[in-house]
């Protein structure tokens, strides 16, 4: 059952717990939205769309993975990691060609594996860490809180796309 309250579920500092609550709520809503999709639903392109629901789901996982590497390890992804996640990160034609042929449980497992690592790392950190300032190579400042807000923002945005694709695919079936 989805919890519709933002609250610290224990073990986290105040703000971190609230952030985790929001991340987990966003994920629960995403999983509820996709849980009954077929492989055909996941792989089909709606008219005029380049991305599939499956590629959007792996994109959500890839963004969380990359932000974990940046915030927990203080580095960018390496060549091996980029090779694994490149199509999902970039989306588009390549993702459409390579991200297909998987049942819904594959995508749920990918999302869950990345989230498990995220939660295992966030529990080790506190509110001060969230507000720690860093700088991108181009000189633009950011903090860890923003990175994790962006993970949630990206998931919610793509869930909207998934809902739209589901409606359009349903119309095409009629």
N, C-alpha and C. Protein backbone atom coordinates (compact mmCIF):
# COMPACT_ATOMS: atom_id res chain seq x y z
N UNK A 1 0.84 -1.17 0.00
CA UNK A 1 0.00 0.00 0.00
C UNK A 1 0.89 1.25 0.00
N UNK A 2 0.51 2.20 -0.81
CA UNK A 2 1.27 3.44 -0.91
C UNK A 2 0.93 4.33 0.28
N UNK A 3 1.98 4.87 0.90
CA UNK A 3 1.82 5.79 2.02
C UNK A 3 1.75 7.21 1.47
N UNK A 4 0.71 7.93 1.80
CA UNK A 4 0.52 9.29 1.30
C UNK A 4 0.89 10.34 2.34
N UNK A 5 1.90 10.02 3.14
CA UNK A 5 2.42 10.96 4.12
C UNK A 5 3.93 11.09 3.92
N UNK A 6 4.43 12.31 4.01
CA UNK A 6 5.88 12.52 3.98
C UNK A 6 6.31 12.51 5.44
N UNK A 7 7.10 11.50 5.78
CA UNK A 7 7.56 11.38 7.16
C UNK A 7 8.86 10.58 7.19
N UNK A 8 9.61 10.79 8.22
CA UNK A 8 10.85 10.06 8.42
C UNK A 8 10.48 8.65 8.89
N UNK A 9 10.88 7.67 8.11
CA UNK A 9 10.55 6.28 8.45
C UNK A 9 11.59 5.64 9.35
N UNK A 10 12.37 6.44 10.01
CA UNK A 10 13.31 5.93 11.01
C UNK A 10 14.70 5.68 10.49
N UNK A 11 15.67 5.95 11.36
CA UNK A 11 17.06 5.68 11.04
C UNK A 11 17.77 6.80 10.30
N UNK A 12 17.02 7.78 9.83
CA UNK A 12 17.59 8.88 9.07
C UNK A 12 17.50 10.16 9.89
N UNK A 13 18.39 11.10 9.57
CA UNK A 13 18.26 12.42 10.16
C UNK A 13 17.00 13.07 9.58
N UNK A 14 16.56 14.18 10.16
CA UNK A 14 15.26 14.77 9.82
C UNK A 14 15.05 14.99 8.32
N UNK A 15 15.86 15.82 7.71
CA UNK A 15 15.68 16.15 6.29
C UNK A 15 15.95 14.95 5.41
N UNK A 16 16.96 14.16 5.74
CA UNK A 16 17.26 12.97 4.97
C UNK A 16 16.07 12.01 4.99
N UNK A 17 15.46 11.84 6.15
CA UNK A 17 14.30 10.96 6.26
C UNK A 17 13.13 11.44 5.42
N UNK A 18 12.93 12.74 5.37
CA UNK A 18 11.86 13.29 4.54
C UNK A 18 12.16 13.08 3.06
N UNK A 19 13.42 13.28 2.67
CA UNK A 19 13.83 13.04 1.29
C UNK A 19 13.61 11.57 0.92
N UNK A 20 14.03 10.66 1.77
CA UNK A 20 13.85 9.23 1.51
C UNK A 20 12.37 8.90 1.39
N UNK A 21 11.54 9.48 2.24
CA UNK A 21 10.10 9.27 2.17
C UNK A 21 9.56 9.69 0.80
N UNK A 22 10.02 10.83 0.30
CA UNK A 22 9.57 11.31 -1.01
C UNK A 22 10.08 10.42 -2.14
N UNK A 23 11.35 10.00 -2.05
CA UNK A 23 11.90 9.09 -3.06
C UNK A 23 11.11 7.78 -3.11
N UNK A 24 10.81 7.25 -1.92
CA UNK A 24 10.10 5.98 -1.84
C UNK A 24 8.64 6.11 -2.30
N UNK A 25 8.02 7.23 -1.99
CA UNK A 25 6.65 7.45 -2.46
C UNK A 25 6.64 7.52 -3.99
N UNK A 26 7.56 8.29 -4.55
CA UNK A 26 7.64 8.41 -6.01
C UNK A 26 7.82 7.05 -6.66
N UNK A 27 8.67 6.22 -6.09
CA UNK A 27 8.92 4.89 -6.65
C UNK A 27 7.69 4.00 -6.52
N UNK A 28 7.02 4.06 -5.38
CA UNK A 28 5.83 3.23 -5.19
C UNK A 28 4.76 3.57 -6.23
N UNK A 29 4.59 4.85 -6.52
CA UNK A 29 3.60 5.26 -7.51
C UNK A 29 4.03 4.79 -8.90
N UNK A 30 5.31 4.89 -9.21
CA UNK A 30 5.81 4.40 -10.50
C UNK A 30 5.55 2.91 -10.65
N UNK A 31 5.90 2.13 -9.66
CA UNK A 31 5.71 0.67 -9.74
C UNK A 31 4.23 0.34 -9.87
N UNK A 32 3.39 1.04 -9.15
CA UNK A 32 1.94 0.80 -9.25
C UNK A 32 1.47 1.07 -10.68
N UNK A 33 2.02 2.09 -11.31
CA UNK A 33 1.64 2.47 -12.67
C UNK A 33 2.03 1.43 -13.71
N UNK A 34 3.12 0.73 -13.48
CA UNK A 34 3.69 -0.15 -14.51
C UNK A 34 3.52 -1.64 -14.24
N UNK A 35 3.13 -2.02 -13.06
CA UNK A 35 3.22 -3.41 -12.61
C UNK A 35 2.51 -4.43 -13.50
N UNK A 36 1.49 -4.02 -14.23
CA UNK A 36 0.72 -4.96 -15.04
C UNK A 36 1.04 -4.88 -16.53
N UNK A 37 2.07 -4.16 -16.90
CA UNK A 37 2.38 -4.02 -18.31
C UNK A 37 2.99 -5.30 -18.89
N UNK A 38 2.66 -5.56 -20.13
CA UNK A 38 3.20 -6.73 -20.83
C UNK A 38 4.51 -6.35 -21.51
N UNK A 39 5.24 -7.35 -21.96
CA UNK A 39 6.47 -7.09 -22.71
C UNK A 39 6.15 -6.28 -23.96
N UNK A 40 5.05 -6.58 -24.60
CA UNK A 40 4.63 -5.82 -25.78
C UNK A 40 4.40 -4.35 -25.42
N UNK A 41 3.73 -4.10 -24.31
CA UNK A 41 3.50 -2.72 -23.85
C UNK A 41 4.83 -2.01 -23.61
N UNK A 42 5.77 -2.71 -23.01
CA UNK A 42 7.06 -2.11 -22.64
C UNK A 42 7.92 -1.79 -23.86
N UNK A 43 7.76 -2.56 -24.93
CA UNK A 43 8.62 -2.42 -26.12
C UNK A 43 8.01 -1.58 -27.23
N UNK A 44 6.71 -1.36 -27.20
CA UNK A 44 6.01 -0.70 -28.31
C UNK A 44 6.26 0.80 -28.29
N UNK A 45 6.48 1.32 -29.47
CA UNK A 45 6.60 2.77 -29.64
C UNK A 45 5.24 3.32 -30.06
N UNK A 46 4.79 4.31 -29.37
CA UNK A 46 3.56 4.98 -29.79
C UNK A 46 3.88 5.83 -31.01
N UNK A 47 2.91 6.06 -31.83
CA UNK A 47 3.09 6.84 -33.04
C UNK A 47 3.77 8.18 -32.72
N UNK A 48 4.88 8.42 -33.38
CA UNK A 48 5.60 9.68 -33.21
C UNK A 48 6.55 9.73 -32.03
N UNK A 49 6.62 8.65 -31.25
CA UNK A 49 7.49 8.64 -30.08
C UNK A 49 8.70 7.76 -30.34
N UNK A 50 9.86 8.20 -29.91
CA UNK A 50 11.07 7.41 -30.10
C UNK A 50 11.33 6.51 -28.89
N UNK A 51 10.85 6.92 -27.71
CA UNK A 51 11.13 6.16 -26.49
C UNK A 51 9.98 5.22 -26.15
N UNK A 52 10.35 4.07 -25.61
CA UNK A 52 9.37 3.10 -25.15
C UNK A 52 9.24 3.21 -23.63
N UNK A 53 8.22 2.58 -23.10
CA UNK A 53 8.07 2.57 -21.65
C UNK A 53 9.25 1.86 -21.02
N UNK A 54 9.70 0.76 -21.60
CA UNK A 54 10.86 0.05 -21.06
C UNK A 54 12.10 0.92 -21.02
N UNK A 55 12.35 1.67 -22.09
CA UNK A 55 13.55 2.52 -22.10
C UNK A 55 13.43 3.64 -21.08
N UNK A 56 12.23 4.17 -20.88
CA UNK A 56 12.05 5.20 -19.85
C UNK A 56 12.27 4.65 -18.45
N UNK A 57 11.84 3.42 -18.21
CA UNK A 57 12.06 2.80 -16.90
C UNK A 57 13.55 2.60 -16.63
N UNK A 58 14.30 2.12 -17.63
CA UNK A 58 15.74 1.96 -17.42
C UNK A 58 16.43 3.32 -17.30
N UNK A 59 15.88 4.33 -17.96
CA UNK A 59 16.43 5.68 -17.83
C UNK A 59 16.30 6.15 -16.38
N UNK A 60 15.14 5.92 -15.78
CA UNK A 60 14.93 6.29 -14.38
C UNK A 60 15.99 5.62 -13.50
N UNK A 61 16.23 4.33 -13.72
CA UNK A 61 17.24 3.60 -12.94
C UNK A 61 18.64 4.16 -13.22
N UNK A 62 18.93 4.48 -14.48
CA UNK A 62 20.26 4.96 -14.84
C UNK A 62 20.57 6.32 -14.22
N UNK A 63 19.58 7.20 -14.18
CA UNK A 63 19.79 8.53 -13.57
C UNK A 63 20.09 8.36 -12.08
N UNK A 64 19.35 7.47 -11.42
CA UNK A 64 19.61 7.24 -9.99
C UNK A 64 21.00 6.63 -9.79
N UNK A 65 21.37 5.70 -10.65
CA UNK A 65 22.70 5.08 -10.54
C UNK A 65 23.79 6.15 -10.67
N UNK A 66 23.70 6.97 -11.71
CA UNK A 66 24.73 7.99 -11.96
C UNK A 66 24.81 8.99 -10.81
N UNK A 67 23.66 9.42 -10.31
CA UNK A 67 23.67 10.37 -9.20
C UNK A 67 24.23 9.73 -7.93
N UNK A 68 24.05 8.43 -7.78
CA UNK A 68 24.68 7.73 -6.67
C UNK A 68 26.19 7.74 -6.77
N UNK A 69 26.70 7.46 -7.96
CA UNK A 69 28.15 7.47 -8.17
C UNK A 69 28.71 8.87 -7.89
N UNK A 70 28.04 9.88 -8.41
CA UNK A 70 28.52 11.26 -8.21
C UNK A 70 28.50 11.63 -6.73
N UNK A 71 27.38 11.37 -6.06
CA UNK A 71 27.26 11.85 -4.68
C UNK A 71 27.92 10.95 -3.65
N UNK A 72 27.88 9.64 -3.84
CA UNK A 72 28.45 8.74 -2.84
C UNK A 72 29.94 8.48 -3.06
N UNK A 73 30.37 8.49 -4.32
CA UNK A 73 31.77 8.17 -4.62
C UNK A 73 32.58 9.38 -5.07
N UNK A 74 31.91 10.50 -5.30
CA UNK A 74 32.61 11.72 -5.68
C UNK A 74 33.30 11.65 -7.03
N UNK A 75 32.70 10.93 -7.95
CA UNK A 75 33.30 10.79 -9.29
C UNK A 75 32.20 10.66 -10.32
N UNK A 76 32.60 10.68 -11.58
CA UNK A 76 31.65 10.43 -12.67
C UNK A 76 31.69 8.93 -12.98
N UNK A 77 30.75 8.47 -13.76
CA UNK A 77 30.75 7.04 -14.10
C UNK A 77 31.96 6.71 -14.97
N UNK A 78 32.42 5.47 -14.84
CA UNK A 78 33.58 5.04 -15.61
C UNK A 78 33.14 4.40 -16.93
N UNK A 79 34.09 3.93 -17.70
CA UNK A 79 33.83 3.39 -19.03
C UNK A 79 32.90 2.17 -18.98
N UNK A 80 33.14 1.27 -18.04
CA UNK A 80 32.32 0.06 -17.90
C UNK A 80 30.88 0.44 -17.53
N UNK A 81 30.73 1.35 -16.58
CA UNK A 81 29.40 1.80 -16.16
C UNK A 81 28.69 2.52 -17.30
N UNK A 82 29.43 3.35 -18.03
CA UNK A 82 28.84 4.05 -19.17
C UNK A 82 28.36 3.05 -20.22
N UNK A 83 29.15 2.03 -20.46
CA UNK A 83 28.75 1.01 -21.45
C UNK A 83 27.44 0.35 -21.06
N UNK A 84 27.28 0.05 -19.77
CA UNK A 84 26.05 -0.59 -19.30
C UNK A 84 24.85 0.34 -19.42
N UNK A 85 25.01 1.62 -19.07
CA UNK A 85 23.88 2.53 -18.93
C UNK A 85 23.71 3.52 -20.08
N UNK A 86 24.63 3.57 -21.03
CA UNK A 86 24.63 4.61 -22.07
C UNK A 86 23.29 4.74 -22.81
N UNK A 87 22.76 3.66 -23.32
CA UNK A 87 21.51 3.74 -24.08
C UNK A 87 20.37 4.26 -23.21
N UNK A 88 20.31 3.79 -21.98
CA UNK A 88 19.25 4.23 -21.06
C UNK A 88 19.43 5.70 -20.68
N UNK A 89 20.66 6.14 -20.49
CA UNK A 89 20.91 7.53 -20.14
C UNK A 89 20.53 8.48 -21.27
N UNK A 90 20.90 8.10 -22.48
CA UNK A 90 20.71 8.99 -23.62
C UNK A 90 19.34 8.87 -24.25
N UNK A 91 18.67 7.73 -24.06
CA UNK A 91 17.38 7.45 -24.67
C UNK A 91 17.49 7.56 -26.20
N UNK A 92 16.40 7.74 -26.89
CA UNK A 92 16.43 7.89 -28.34
C UNK A 92 16.53 6.58 -29.10
N UNK A 93 17.01 6.68 -30.33
CA UNK A 93 17.04 5.54 -31.26
C UNK A 93 17.81 4.33 -30.71
N UNK A 94 18.97 4.56 -30.15
CA UNK A 94 19.78 3.45 -29.63
C UNK A 94 19.06 2.71 -28.52
N UNK A 95 18.42 3.44 -27.65
CA UNK A 95 17.65 2.82 -26.57
C UNK A 95 16.53 1.97 -27.14
N UNK A 96 15.86 2.49 -28.17
CA UNK A 96 14.78 1.75 -28.81
C UNK A 96 15.24 0.45 -29.44
N UNK A 97 16.47 0.44 -29.92
CA UNK A 97 17.01 -0.77 -30.55
C UNK A 97 17.50 -1.80 -29.53
N UNK A 98 18.01 -1.34 -28.42
CA UNK A 98 18.68 -2.25 -27.48
C UNK A 98 17.89 -2.57 -26.21
N UNK A 99 16.98 -1.70 -25.83
CA UNK A 99 16.23 -1.93 -24.59
C UNK A 99 14.87 -2.50 -24.97
N UNK A 100 14.83 -3.81 -25.04
CA UNK A 100 13.58 -4.49 -25.39
C UNK A 100 13.71 -5.98 -25.10
N UNK A 101 12.55 -6.63 -25.12
CA UNK A 101 12.55 -8.07 -24.92
C UNK A 101 12.59 -8.50 -23.46
N UNK A 102 12.21 -7.61 -22.56
CA UNK A 102 12.24 -7.92 -21.13
C UNK A 102 10.83 -7.84 -20.54
N UNK A 103 10.52 -8.73 -19.61
CA UNK A 103 9.23 -8.63 -18.91
C UNK A 103 9.29 -7.51 -17.88
N UNK A 104 8.14 -7.13 -17.35
CA UNK A 104 8.08 -6.04 -16.38
C UNK A 104 8.96 -6.29 -15.16
N UNK A 105 9.07 -7.55 -14.74
CA UNK A 105 9.87 -7.83 -13.54
C UNK A 105 11.34 -7.45 -13.73
N UNK A 106 11.84 -7.55 -14.95
CA UNK A 106 13.22 -7.13 -15.24
C UNK A 106 13.41 -5.65 -14.86
N UNK A 107 12.48 -4.81 -15.30
CA UNK A 107 12.59 -3.37 -15.04
C UNK A 107 12.40 -3.07 -13.55
N UNK A 108 11.46 -3.75 -12.93
CA UNK A 108 11.24 -3.55 -11.50
C UNK A 108 12.49 -3.98 -10.72
N UNK A 109 13.12 -5.08 -11.14
CA UNK A 109 14.35 -5.53 -10.48
C UNK A 109 15.48 -4.52 -10.65
N UNK A 110 15.62 -3.94 -11.83
CA UNK A 110 16.67 -2.94 -12.06
C UNK A 110 16.43 -1.71 -11.18
N UNK A 111 15.19 -1.23 -11.16
CA UNK A 111 14.85 -0.08 -10.32
C UNK A 111 15.11 -0.40 -8.85
N UNK A 112 14.74 -1.59 -8.42
CA UNK A 112 14.90 -1.99 -7.02
C UNK A 112 16.37 -2.13 -6.63
N UNK A 113 17.18 -2.70 -7.51
CA UNK A 113 18.60 -2.91 -7.20
C UNK A 113 19.30 -1.56 -7.00
N UNK A 114 19.01 -0.61 -7.89
CA UNK A 114 19.64 0.71 -7.77
C UNK A 114 19.13 1.38 -6.49
N UNK A 115 17.84 1.27 -6.21
CA UNK A 115 17.27 1.92 -5.01
C UNK A 115 17.84 1.31 -3.74
N UNK A 116 18.03 -0.01 -3.71
CA UNK A 116 18.62 -0.64 -2.51
C UNK A 116 19.97 -0.04 -2.20
N UNK A 117 20.79 0.14 -3.23
CA UNK A 117 22.11 0.74 -3.02
C UNK A 117 21.97 2.18 -2.55
N UNK A 118 21.04 2.92 -3.14
CA UNK A 118 20.81 4.30 -2.74
C UNK A 118 20.47 4.38 -1.26
N UNK A 119 19.51 3.57 -0.83
CA UNK A 119 19.08 3.62 0.57
C UNK A 119 20.18 3.17 1.52
N UNK A 120 20.96 2.18 1.11
CA UNK A 120 22.08 1.72 1.94
C UNK A 120 23.12 2.82 2.12
N UNK A 121 23.28 3.66 1.12
CA UNK A 121 24.24 4.77 1.21
C UNK A 121 23.65 5.97 1.95
N UNK A 122 22.39 6.28 1.69
CA UNK A 122 21.78 7.45 2.35
C UNK A 122 21.68 7.27 3.86
N UNK A 123 21.47 6.04 4.32
CA UNK A 123 21.36 5.80 5.78
C UNK A 123 22.67 6.13 6.50
N UNK A 124 23.79 6.10 5.77
CA UNK A 124 25.10 6.39 6.34
C UNK A 124 25.37 7.89 6.44
N UNK A 125 24.50 8.70 5.84
CA UNK A 125 24.74 10.13 5.75
C UNK A 125 23.71 10.92 6.54
N UNK A 126 23.96 12.23 6.65
CA UNK A 126 23.07 13.06 7.47
C UNK A 126 22.67 14.33 6.73
N UNK A 127 21.92 15.18 7.41
CA UNK A 127 21.43 16.41 6.80
C UNK A 127 22.58 17.33 6.37
N UNK A 128 23.64 17.37 7.15
CA UNK A 128 24.79 18.20 6.78
C UNK A 128 25.35 17.77 5.43
N UNK A 129 25.44 16.46 5.20
CA UNK A 129 25.92 15.93 3.93
C UNK A 129 25.02 16.38 2.79
N UNK A 130 23.70 16.38 3.00
CA UNK A 130 22.77 16.80 1.95
C UNK A 130 23.09 18.21 1.46
N UNK A 131 23.49 19.08 2.37
CA UNK A 131 23.72 20.48 2.02
C UNK A 131 25.17 20.78 1.66
N UNK A 132 26.04 19.77 1.67
CA UNK A 132 27.43 19.96 1.26
C UNK A 132 27.49 20.47 -0.16
N UNK A 133 28.29 21.51 -0.38
CA UNK A 133 28.38 22.11 -1.70
C UNK A 133 29.54 21.52 -2.49
N UNK A 134 29.28 21.32 -3.75
CA UNK A 134 30.28 20.86 -4.71
C UNK A 134 30.17 21.75 -5.94
N UNK A 135 31.02 21.46 -6.92
CA UNK A 135 31.01 22.28 -8.13
C UNK A 135 31.23 21.38 -9.34
N UNK A 136 30.40 21.58 -10.37
CA UNK A 136 30.59 20.86 -11.63
C UNK A 136 31.85 21.37 -12.31
N UNK A 137 32.42 20.62 -13.24
CA UNK A 137 33.63 21.08 -13.94
C UNK A 137 33.47 22.46 -14.61
N UNK A 138 32.23 22.83 -14.95
CA UNK A 138 32.01 24.13 -15.59
C UNK A 138 31.85 25.27 -14.57
N UNK A 139 32.05 24.95 -13.28
CA UNK A 139 32.00 25.97 -12.25
C UNK A 139 30.64 26.19 -11.60
N UNK A 140 29.63 25.47 -12.03
CA UNK A 140 28.29 25.63 -11.46
C UNK A 140 28.20 24.85 -10.15
N UNK A 141 27.78 25.53 -9.07
CA UNK A 141 27.69 24.84 -7.78
C UNK A 141 26.42 23.97 -7.68
N UNK A 142 26.50 22.95 -6.86
CA UNK A 142 25.36 22.09 -6.56
C UNK A 142 25.58 21.48 -5.18
N UNK A 143 24.52 20.93 -4.60
CA UNK A 143 24.67 20.17 -3.37
C UNK A 143 24.02 18.79 -3.54
N UNK A 144 24.30 17.89 -2.59
CA UNK A 144 23.76 16.54 -2.69
C UNK A 144 22.23 16.53 -2.66
N UNK A 145 21.65 17.44 -1.91
CA UNK A 145 20.20 17.51 -1.84
C UNK A 145 19.62 17.74 -3.24
N UNK A 146 20.24 18.66 -3.99
CA UNK A 146 19.76 18.90 -5.36
C UNK A 146 19.86 17.64 -6.20
N UNK A 147 20.97 16.91 -6.09
CA UNK A 147 21.13 15.69 -6.90
C UNK A 147 19.98 14.72 -6.65
N UNK A 148 19.62 14.54 -5.39
CA UNK A 148 18.56 13.58 -5.07
C UNK A 148 17.18 14.13 -5.37
N UNK A 149 17.01 15.45 -5.27
CA UNK A 149 15.78 16.08 -5.75
C UNK A 149 15.64 15.81 -7.25
N UNK A 150 16.73 15.95 -8.00
CA UNK A 150 16.70 15.73 -9.44
C UNK A 150 16.35 14.28 -9.79
N UNK A 151 16.85 13.34 -9.02
CA UNK A 151 16.49 11.93 -9.24
C UNK A 151 14.97 11.77 -9.14
N UNK A 152 14.39 12.35 -8.11
CA UNK A 152 12.94 12.26 -7.91
C UNK A 152 12.20 13.02 -9.01
N UNK A 153 12.66 14.21 -9.33
CA UNK A 153 12.05 15.04 -10.37
C UNK A 153 12.07 14.31 -11.72
N UNK A 154 13.18 13.68 -12.04
CA UNK A 154 13.32 12.96 -13.29
C UNK A 154 12.34 11.78 -13.35
N UNK A 155 12.24 11.04 -12.26
CA UNK A 155 11.32 9.91 -12.22
C UNK A 155 9.88 10.36 -12.41
N UNK A 156 9.48 11.42 -11.73
CA UNK A 156 8.11 11.91 -11.84
C UNK A 156 7.83 12.39 -13.27
N UNK A 157 8.78 13.08 -13.86
CA UNK A 157 8.63 13.55 -15.24
C UNK A 157 8.44 12.37 -16.19
N UNK A 158 9.28 11.37 -16.09
CA UNK A 158 9.18 10.23 -17.00
C UNK A 158 7.97 9.36 -16.70
N UNK A 159 7.52 9.35 -15.45
CA UNK A 159 6.28 8.63 -15.15
C UNK A 159 5.12 9.30 -15.89
N UNK A 160 5.14 10.60 -16.00
CA UNK A 160 4.12 11.30 -16.79
C UNK A 160 4.17 10.87 -18.25
N UNK A 161 5.37 10.73 -18.79
CA UNK A 161 5.52 10.24 -20.17
C UNK A 161 4.98 8.82 -20.29
N UNK A 162 5.27 7.99 -19.30
CA UNK A 162 4.80 6.61 -19.31
C UNK A 162 3.27 6.58 -19.31
N UNK A 163 2.66 7.40 -18.50
CA UNK A 163 1.19 7.46 -18.46
C UNK A 163 0.64 7.87 -19.82
N UNK A 164 1.26 8.85 -20.43
CA UNK A 164 0.83 9.30 -21.75
C UNK A 164 0.98 8.18 -22.78
N UNK A 165 2.12 7.50 -22.75
CA UNK A 165 2.34 6.39 -23.68
C UNK A 165 1.32 5.28 -23.46
N UNK A 166 1.02 4.97 -22.22
CA UNK A 166 0.02 3.94 -21.92
C UNK A 166 -1.34 4.31 -22.53
N UNK A 167 -1.75 5.55 -22.39
CA UNK A 167 -3.04 5.99 -22.95
C UNK A 167 -3.03 5.88 -24.47
N UNK A 168 -1.94 6.32 -25.09
CA UNK A 168 -1.85 6.28 -26.55
C UNK A 168 -1.80 4.86 -27.06
N UNK A 169 -1.07 3.99 -26.37
CA UNK A 169 -0.99 2.59 -26.80
C UNK A 169 -2.35 1.91 -26.64
N UNK A 170 -3.07 2.26 -25.59
CA UNK A 170 -4.41 1.69 -25.36
C UNK A 170 -5.34 2.10 -26.51
N UNK A 171 -5.27 3.35 -26.93
CA UNK A 171 -6.09 3.82 -28.05
C UNK A 171 -5.74 3.09 -29.33
N UNK A 172 -4.46 2.81 -29.54
CA UNK A 172 -4.02 2.11 -30.76
C UNK A 172 -4.53 0.68 -30.79
N UNK A 173 -4.71 0.06 -29.61
CA UNK A 173 -5.21 -1.31 -29.53
C UNK A 173 -6.68 -1.41 -29.89
N UNK A 174 -7.41 -0.31 -29.71
CA UNK A 174 -8.87 -0.33 -29.95
C UNK A 174 -9.19 -0.35 -31.41
